Amino acid sequence: MSNPDIFNQIMAVTAPVFAMVILGFGLRKARLVDDPFIHTASNLVFRATMPTLFFLSIWQSDLHVAFQPDLVLCFALVTLLAFAGSWRWAHTNLPFNQRGVFVQGAFRGNCGVVSFALVSNYFGAYGASVGGVLAGVAILLFNLLSVFILSYYSPLMRFSVKSALKDLVSNPLVLSVLAGLLASWVKLSIPHWVQVSGHYFAGMTLPLALICAGATLSVEGVRQSGKAAFQSSLVKIIILPVLGCLLAFALGFRDKDLIVLWFFFATPTAAASFSMALAAGGDGRLAANIIAVSTVLSIATVTAGVYVLAAFIGN
């Protein structure tokens, strides 16, 4: 495949996803989307449509395809290394109230929405099934690490293993992944009309989620970003994915596995990091700036990275 063909293929995957994010930003500016809508739609996505999407994607797949322990372990390893490295740097270079926020911004990607959308667009049913499992793992790991690091530097929050585990086991996305794996394993039969209705309902997930992500972006956040916001964003969208994929390559991952991992490593900081930073008494402005900067810059870095990988694999 020629380089122009590869580029067109990549743009067909990444452009629609980021176009929806930009559309959300535009709709907010045009006042067609407001805070109550964002809150309601995000809650609907988190508690209903996205769990349905994850469940159906995993249930309809071959369990051996959907659950790949090597991919899960590699993703977890890279995330933990990014967490440790950014923590070490922040602890010696930033003010106390910015450290936990910086670390969270550096490792916590928007995997449930952006990564899942990208890998589903690129690989179809395979991407949706593998992406659903990886997204569930990411949600588990990100929430646990975020609560720990934010509470470590928080004047308001104290880390509790019992509380953290309770939140995780009641998370609708995690439960939907586990239910999907179980349903696939027992080969659960679901009436056709229920499947069709479920797909209609789940089909709202990515457009709504991406629009809400775009609607929360702030131009002021990009303009006012200080050094810490750019440094955290640099770790999240460039250093982590590049080093993560190099490590994955050294461990023997090839072809589509590398692209799946890139999509999960390279996505911007999750919007949920802002509310968690505020709840912990951290620097909310820094958290918002990291989300804005990483989202804007990732439009270029995600596309460039997968283009390089696709060209490399093609050769």
Protein backbone atom coordinates (compact mmCIF):
# COMPACT_ATOMS: atom_id res chain seq x y z
CA MET A 1 0.00 0.00 0.00
CA SER A 2 1.40 3.43 -0.97
CA ASN A 3 1.93 6.20 1.55
CA PRO A 4 -1.02 8.29 0.25
CA ASP A 5 -3.29 5.23 0.55
CA ILE A 6 -2.13 4.63 4.12
CA PHE A 7 -2.69 8.28 5.00
CA ASN A 8 -6.21 8.24 3.53
CA GLN A 9 -7.02 5.06 5.45
CA ILE A 10 -5.76 6.58 8.71
CA MET A 11 -7.69 9.81 8.17
CA ALA A 12 -10.85 7.81 7.52
CA VAL A 13 -10.44 6.41 11.03
CA THR A 14 -9.18 9.36 13.08
CA ALA A 15 -10.85 12.31 11.34
CA PRO A 16 -14.48 11.30 12.11
CA VAL A 17 -13.65 10.76 15.79
CA PHE A 18 -11.94 14.10 16.28
CA ALA A 19 -14.49 15.81 14.04
CA MET A 20 -17.17 14.85 16.57
CA VAL A 21 -15.05 16.35 19.35
CA ILE A 22 -14.68 19.58 17.38
CA LEU A 23 -18.42 19.51 16.64
CA GLY A 24 -19.11 19.31 20.36
CA PHE A 25 -16.92 22.36 20.93
CA GLY A 26 -18.78 24.23 18.16
CA LEU A 27 -22.19 23.27 19.49
CA ARG A 28 -21.21 24.59 22.92
CA LYS A 29 -20.05 27.88 21.39
CA ALA A 30 -23.33 28.12 19.46
CA ARG A 31 -25.19 27.50 22.75
CA LEU A 32 -26.92 24.43 21.35
CA VAL A 33 -25.25 22.40 24.09
CA ASP A 34 -25.10 23.56 27.71
CA ASP A 35 -23.96 22.24 31.08
CA PRO A 36 -27.25 20.46 31.96
CA PHE A 37 -27.18 18.65 28.61
CA ILE A 38 -23.53 17.64 29.07
CA HIS A 39 -24.27 16.34 32.58
CA THR A 40 -27.36 14.39 31.52
CA ALA A 41 -25.83 12.98 28.33
CA SER A 42 -22.60 12.00 30.07
CA ASN A 43 -24.56 10.24 32.80
CA LEU A 44 -26.65 8.39 30.19
CA VAL A 45 -23.52 7.29 28.35
CA PHE A 46 -21.69 6.18 31.50
CA ARG A 47 -24.59 4.33 33.12
CA ALA A 48 -26.50 2.94 30.15
CA THR A 49 -25.45 3.28 26.51
CA MET A 50 -21.72 2.57 26.88
CA PRO A 51 -22.23 -0.47 29.13
CA THR A 52 -24.67 -1.77 26.50
CA LEU A 53 -22.10 -1.15 23.74
CA PHE A 54 -19.31 -2.90 25.66
CA PHE A 55 -21.53 -5.86 26.55
CA LEU A 56 -22.75 -6.42 22.98
CA SER A 57 -19.28 -5.99 21.46
CA ILE A 58 -17.74 -8.56 23.78
CA TRP A 59 -20.71 -10.95 23.85
CA GLN A 60 -20.74 -11.24 20.04
CA SER A 61 -17.01 -11.94 19.83
CA ASP A 62 -14.91 -15.04 20.24
CA LEU A 63 -13.79 -14.99 23.88
CA HIS A 64 -10.25 -15.91 22.87
CA VAL A 65 -10.20 -12.88 20.58
CA ALA A 66 -11.82 -10.43 22.98
CA PHE A 67 -9.70 -11.30 26.02
CA GLN A 68 -5.99 -11.25 25.23
CA PRO A 69 -3.98 -11.44 28.47
CA ASP A 70 -0.73 -10.36 26.81
CA LEU A 71 -2.28 -7.09 25.57
CA VAL A 72 -3.89 -6.46 28.95
CA LEU A 73 -0.63 -7.06 30.82
CA CYS A 74 1.37 -4.87 28.42
CA PHE A 75 -1.13 -2.04 28.75
CA ALA A 76 -1.08 -2.32 32.54
CA LEU A 77 2.73 -2.45 32.66
CA VAL A 78 3.17 0.67 30.53
CA THR A 79 0.51 2.53 32.53
CA LEU A 80 2.25 1.68 35.81
CA LEU A 81 5.63 2.75 34.43
CA ALA A 82 4.15 6.07 33.23
CA PHE A 83 2.52 6.53 36.62
CA ALA A 84 5.78 5.89 38.48
CA GLY A 85 7.91 8.03 36.17
CA SER A 86 5.57 11.03 36.19
CA TRP A 87 5.17 10.75 39.97
CA ARG A 88 8.91 10.82 40.51
CA TRP A 89 9.29 13.86 38.26
CA ALA A 90 6.34 15.76 39.77
CA HIS A 91 7.46 15.06 43.34
CA THR A 92 10.75 16.89 42.83
CA ASN A 93 9.72 19.62 40.38
CA LEU A 94 6.20 20.86 41.18
CA PRO A 95 4.33 22.54 44.05
CA PHE A 96 2.54 20.16 46.42
CA ASN A 97 -1.02 20.88 45.20
CA GLN A 98 -0.09 20.28 41.53
CA ARG A 99 1.70 16.95 41.90
CA GLY A 100 -1.25 14.57 41.99
CA VAL A 101 -3.06 16.47 39.22
CA PHE A 102 0.06 16.39 37.01
CA VAL A 103 0.51 12.63 37.49
CA GLN A 104 -3.14 11.87 36.78
CA GLY A 105 -3.04 13.94 33.61
CA ALA A 106 0.09 12.16 32.45
CA PHE A 107 -1.27 8.60 32.53
CA ARG A 108 -5.09 8.74 32.52
CA GLY A 109 -6.24 8.55 28.90
CA ASN A 110 -9.75 8.84 27.51
CA CYS A 111 -9.80 5.11 26.70
CA GLY A 112 -13.49 4.42 27.22
CA VAL A 113 -14.51 6.94 24.56
CA VAL A 114 -11.71 8.03 22.23
CA SER A 115 -9.55 4.87 22.28
CA PHE A 116 -12.58 2.62 21.90
CA ALA A 117 -13.93 4.75 19.04
CA LEU A 118 -10.61 4.73 17.20
CA VAL A 119 -9.90 1.03 17.55
CA SER A 120 -13.50 0.17 16.58
CA ASN A 121 -13.29 2.35 13.48
CA TYR A 122 -9.95 0.87 12.47
CA PHE A 123 -10.55 -2.84 13.12
CA GLY A 124 -14.34 -3.19 13.11
CA ALA A 125 -15.79 -6.03 15.20
CA TYR A 126 -12.33 -7.20 16.26
CA GLY A 127 -11.45 -3.74 17.50
CA ALA A 128 -14.76 -3.36 19.33
CA SER A 129 -14.34 -6.64 21.22
CA VAL A 130 -10.67 -6.21 22.11
CA GLY A 131 -11.21 -2.51 22.77
CA GLY A 132 -14.11 -3.19 25.12
CA VAL A 133 -11.98 -5.45 27.31
CA LEU A 134 -9.01 -3.07 27.29
CA ALA A 135 -11.28 -0.14 28.12
CA GLY A 136 -12.65 -2.04 31.10
CA VAL A 137 -9.13 -2.78 32.33
CA ALA A 138 -8.16 0.87 31.79
CA ILE A 139 -11.13 2.09 33.83
CA LEU A 140 -10.20 -0.22 36.70
CA LEU A 141 -6.53 0.74 36.69
CA PHE A 142 -7.01 4.46 36.05
CA ASN A 143 -9.54 4.91 38.83
CA LEU A 144 -7.47 3.03 41.37
CA LEU A 145 -4.25 4.91 40.55
CA SER A 146 -6.04 8.29 40.33
CA VAL A 147 -7.70 7.94 43.72
CA PHE A 148 -4.39 6.90 45.25
CA ILE A 149 -2.22 9.70 43.80
CA LEU A 150 -4.79 12.46 44.33
CA SER A 151 -5.44 11.42 47.93
CA TYR A 152 -1.69 11.19 48.58
CA TYR A 153 -1.35 14.92 47.92
CA SER A 154 -4.83 15.94 49.03
CA PRO A 155 -5.81 18.01 52.07
CA LEU A 156 -9.38 16.68 51.71
CA MET A 157 -9.22 13.06 50.59
CA ARG A 158 -7.75 9.99 52.27
CA PHE A 159 -7.09 6.80 50.32
CA SER A 160 -9.13 3.77 51.36
CA VAL A 161 -8.66 0.40 49.70
CA LYS A 162 -12.16 -0.65 50.76
CA SER A 163 -13.77 2.48 49.31
CA ALA A 164 -11.74 2.27 46.08
CA LEU A 165 -12.66 -1.38 45.53
CA LYS A 166 -16.33 -0.66 46.28
CA ASP A 167 -16.37 2.05 43.61
CA LEU A 168 -14.69 -0.24 41.09
CA VAL A 169 -16.97 -3.24 41.56
CA SER A 170 -20.03 -1.00 41.18
CA ASN A 171 -18.73 0.75 38.03
CA PRO A 172 -21.25 0.11 35.18
CA LEU A 173 -18.52 -0.13 32.54
CA VAL A 174 -16.50 -2.67 34.48
CA LEU A 175 -19.64 -4.70 35.20
CA SER A 176 -20.63 -4.64 31.51
CA VAL A 177 -17.21 -5.97 30.46
CA LEU A 178 -17.39 -8.80 32.99
CA ALA A 179 -20.98 -9.59 31.94
CA GLY A 180 -19.95 -9.60 28.29
CA LEU A 181 -17.08 -11.99 28.95
CA LEU A 182 -19.37 -14.30 30.92
CA ALA A 183 -22.08 -14.17 28.24
CA SER A 184 -19.54 -15.00 25.55
CA TRP A 185 -18.12 -17.85 27.60
CA VAL A 186 -21.51 -19.52 28.23
CA LYS A 187 -22.64 -18.66 24.67
CA LEU A 188 -25.70 -16.81 25.92
CA SER A 189 -28.59 -16.69 23.44
CA ILE A 190 -30.37 -13.34 23.10
CA PRO A 191 -33.53 -12.87 21.00
CA HIS A 192 -32.87 -11.10 17.71
CA TRP A 193 -35.24 -8.22 18.42
CA VAL A 194 -33.45 -7.57 21.72
CA GLN A 195 -30.12 -7.50 19.89
CA VAL A 196 -31.40 -5.02 17.32
CA SER A 197 -32.89 -2.80 20.02
CA GLY A 198 -29.65 -3.00 21.96
CA HIS A 199 -27.62 -1.93 18.94
CA TYR A 200 -29.95 1.03 18.35
CA PHE A 201 -29.47 2.09 21.96
CA ALA A 202 -25.70 1.48 21.98
CA GLY A 203 -25.35 3.37 18.71
CA MET A 204 -25.88 6.64 20.57
CA THR A 205 -22.79 6.10 22.71
CA LEU A 206 -19.86 7.36 20.68
CA PRO A 207 -21.54 10.41 19.09
CA LEU A 208 -22.88 11.57 22.46
CA ALA A 209 -19.66 10.84 24.34
CA LEU A 210 -17.44 12.57 21.78
CA ILE A 211 -19.72 15.61 21.56
CA CYS A 212 -19.69 15.92 25.36
CA ALA A 213 -15.90 15.63 25.37
CA GLY A 214 -15.65 18.46 22.85
CA ALA A 215 -18.20 20.59 24.67
CA THR A 216 -16.05 20.57 27.80
CA LEU A 217 -12.98 21.94 26.00
CA SER A 218 -11.84 25.47 26.82
CA VAL A 219 -9.89 27.79 24.55
CA GLU A 220 -8.87 29.70 27.64
CA GLY A 221 -7.49 26.50 29.05
CA VAL A 222 -5.11 26.21 26.12
CA ARG A 223 -4.16 29.90 26.21
CA GLN A 224 -3.54 29.96 29.95
CA SER A 225 -1.71 26.66 30.20
CA GLY A 226 1.52 26.89 32.07
CA LYS A 227 4.61 24.76 31.82
CA ALA A 228 3.16 21.99 34.00
CA ALA A 229 0.10 21.52 31.75
CA PHE A 230 2.22 21.23 28.61
CA GLN A 231 4.67 18.88 30.31
CA SER A 232 1.91 16.58 31.54
CA SER A 233 0.28 16.66 28.09
CA LEU A 234 3.62 15.87 26.47
CA VAL A 235 3.99 12.80 28.65
CA LYS A 236 0.42 11.66 27.90
CA ILE A 237 0.29 12.04 24.13
CA ILE A 238 3.92 11.60 23.06
CA ILE A 239 6.32 10.14 25.63
CA LEU A 240 3.99 7.48 27.04
CA PRO A 241 2.73 6.13 23.68
CA VAL A 242 6.11 6.21 21.95
CA LEU A 243 8.02 4.52 24.76
CA GLY A 244 5.07 2.21 25.42
CA CYS A 245 4.98 0.98 21.82
CA LEU A 246 8.77 0.60 21.74
CA LEU A 247 8.56 -1.53 24.87
CA ALA A 248 5.69 -3.52 23.37
CA PHE A 249 7.75 -4.10 20.21
CA ALA A 250 10.70 -5.27 22.32
CA LEU A 251 8.36 -7.69 24.11
CA GLY A 252 7.32 -9.20 20.78
CA PHE A 253 4.10 -7.38 19.87
CA ARG A 254 3.64 -6.83 16.14
CA ASP A 255 1.16 -5.74 13.48
CA LYS A 256 -2.36 -4.89 14.65
CA ASP A 257 -1.49 -5.37 18.33
CA LEU A 258 0.88 -2.40 18.14
CA ILE A 259 -1.81 -0.21 16.57
CA VAL A 260 -4.36 -1.23 19.21
CA LEU A 261 -1.86 -0.36 21.94
CA TRP A 262 -1.03 2.96 20.27
CA PHE A 263 -4.69 3.95 20.22
CA PHE A 264 -4.94 3.15 23.93
CA PHE A 265 -1.66 4.81 24.91
CA ALA A 266 -1.91 7.97 22.81
CA THR A 267 -5.37 9.33 23.52
CA PRO A 268 -5.72 12.61 25.46
CA THR A 269 -6.31 12.97 29.17
CA ALA A 270 -9.79 11.88 30.26
CA ALA A 271 -12.32 14.59 31.14
CA ALA A 272 -13.14 12.75 34.38
CA SER A 273 -9.72 13.77 35.72
CA PHE A 274 -11.02 17.33 36.25
CA SER A 275 -13.85 16.42 38.61
CA MET A 276 -11.63 14.03 40.54
CA ALA A 277 -8.94 16.71 40.95
CA LEU A 278 -11.51 19.17 42.32
CA ALA A 279 -12.92 16.59 44.71
CA ALA A 280 -9.42 16.00 46.07
CA GLY A 281 -8.74 19.70 46.54
CA GLY A 282 -6.09 19.73 43.81
CA ASP A 283 -5.33 22.37 41.22
CA GLY A 284 -8.51 22.26 39.13
CA ARG A 285 -7.24 24.85 36.68
CA LEU A 286 -4.19 22.71 35.93
CA ALA A 287 -6.42 19.65 35.43
CA ALA A 288 -8.66 21.52 32.97
CA ASN A 289 -5.65 22.87 31.08
CA ILE A 290 -4.11 19.41 30.72
CA ILE A 291 -7.36 18.07 29.26
CA ALA A 292 -7.61 20.96 26.79
CA VAL A 293 -3.97 20.89 25.66
CA SER A 294 -3.71 17.11 25.35
CA THR A 295 -7.00 16.92 23.40
CA VAL A 296 -6.03 19.62 20.89
CA LEU A 297 -2.52 18.28 20.31
CA SER A 298 -3.61 14.63 20.15
CA ILE A 299 -5.51 15.30 16.92
CA ALA A 300 -2.11 15.48 15.23
CA THR A 301 -0.11 13.06 17.37
CA VAL A 302 -2.59 10.16 17.29
CA THR A 303 -2.89 10.40 13.50
CA ALA A 304 0.88 10.76 12.95
CA GLY A 305 1.66 7.84 15.24
CA VAL A 306 -0.73 5.38 13.66
CA TYR A 307 0.44 6.50 10.20
CA VAL A 308 4.04 5.65 11.10
CA LEU A 309 3.01 2.30 12.57
CA ALA A 310 0.83 1.43 9.56
CA ALA A 311 3.63 2.32 7.14
CA PHE A 312 6.11 0.33 9.23
CA ILE A 313 3.84 -2.71 9.33
CA GLY A 314 3.17 -2.40 5.63
CA ASN A 315 6.87 -2.61 4.94
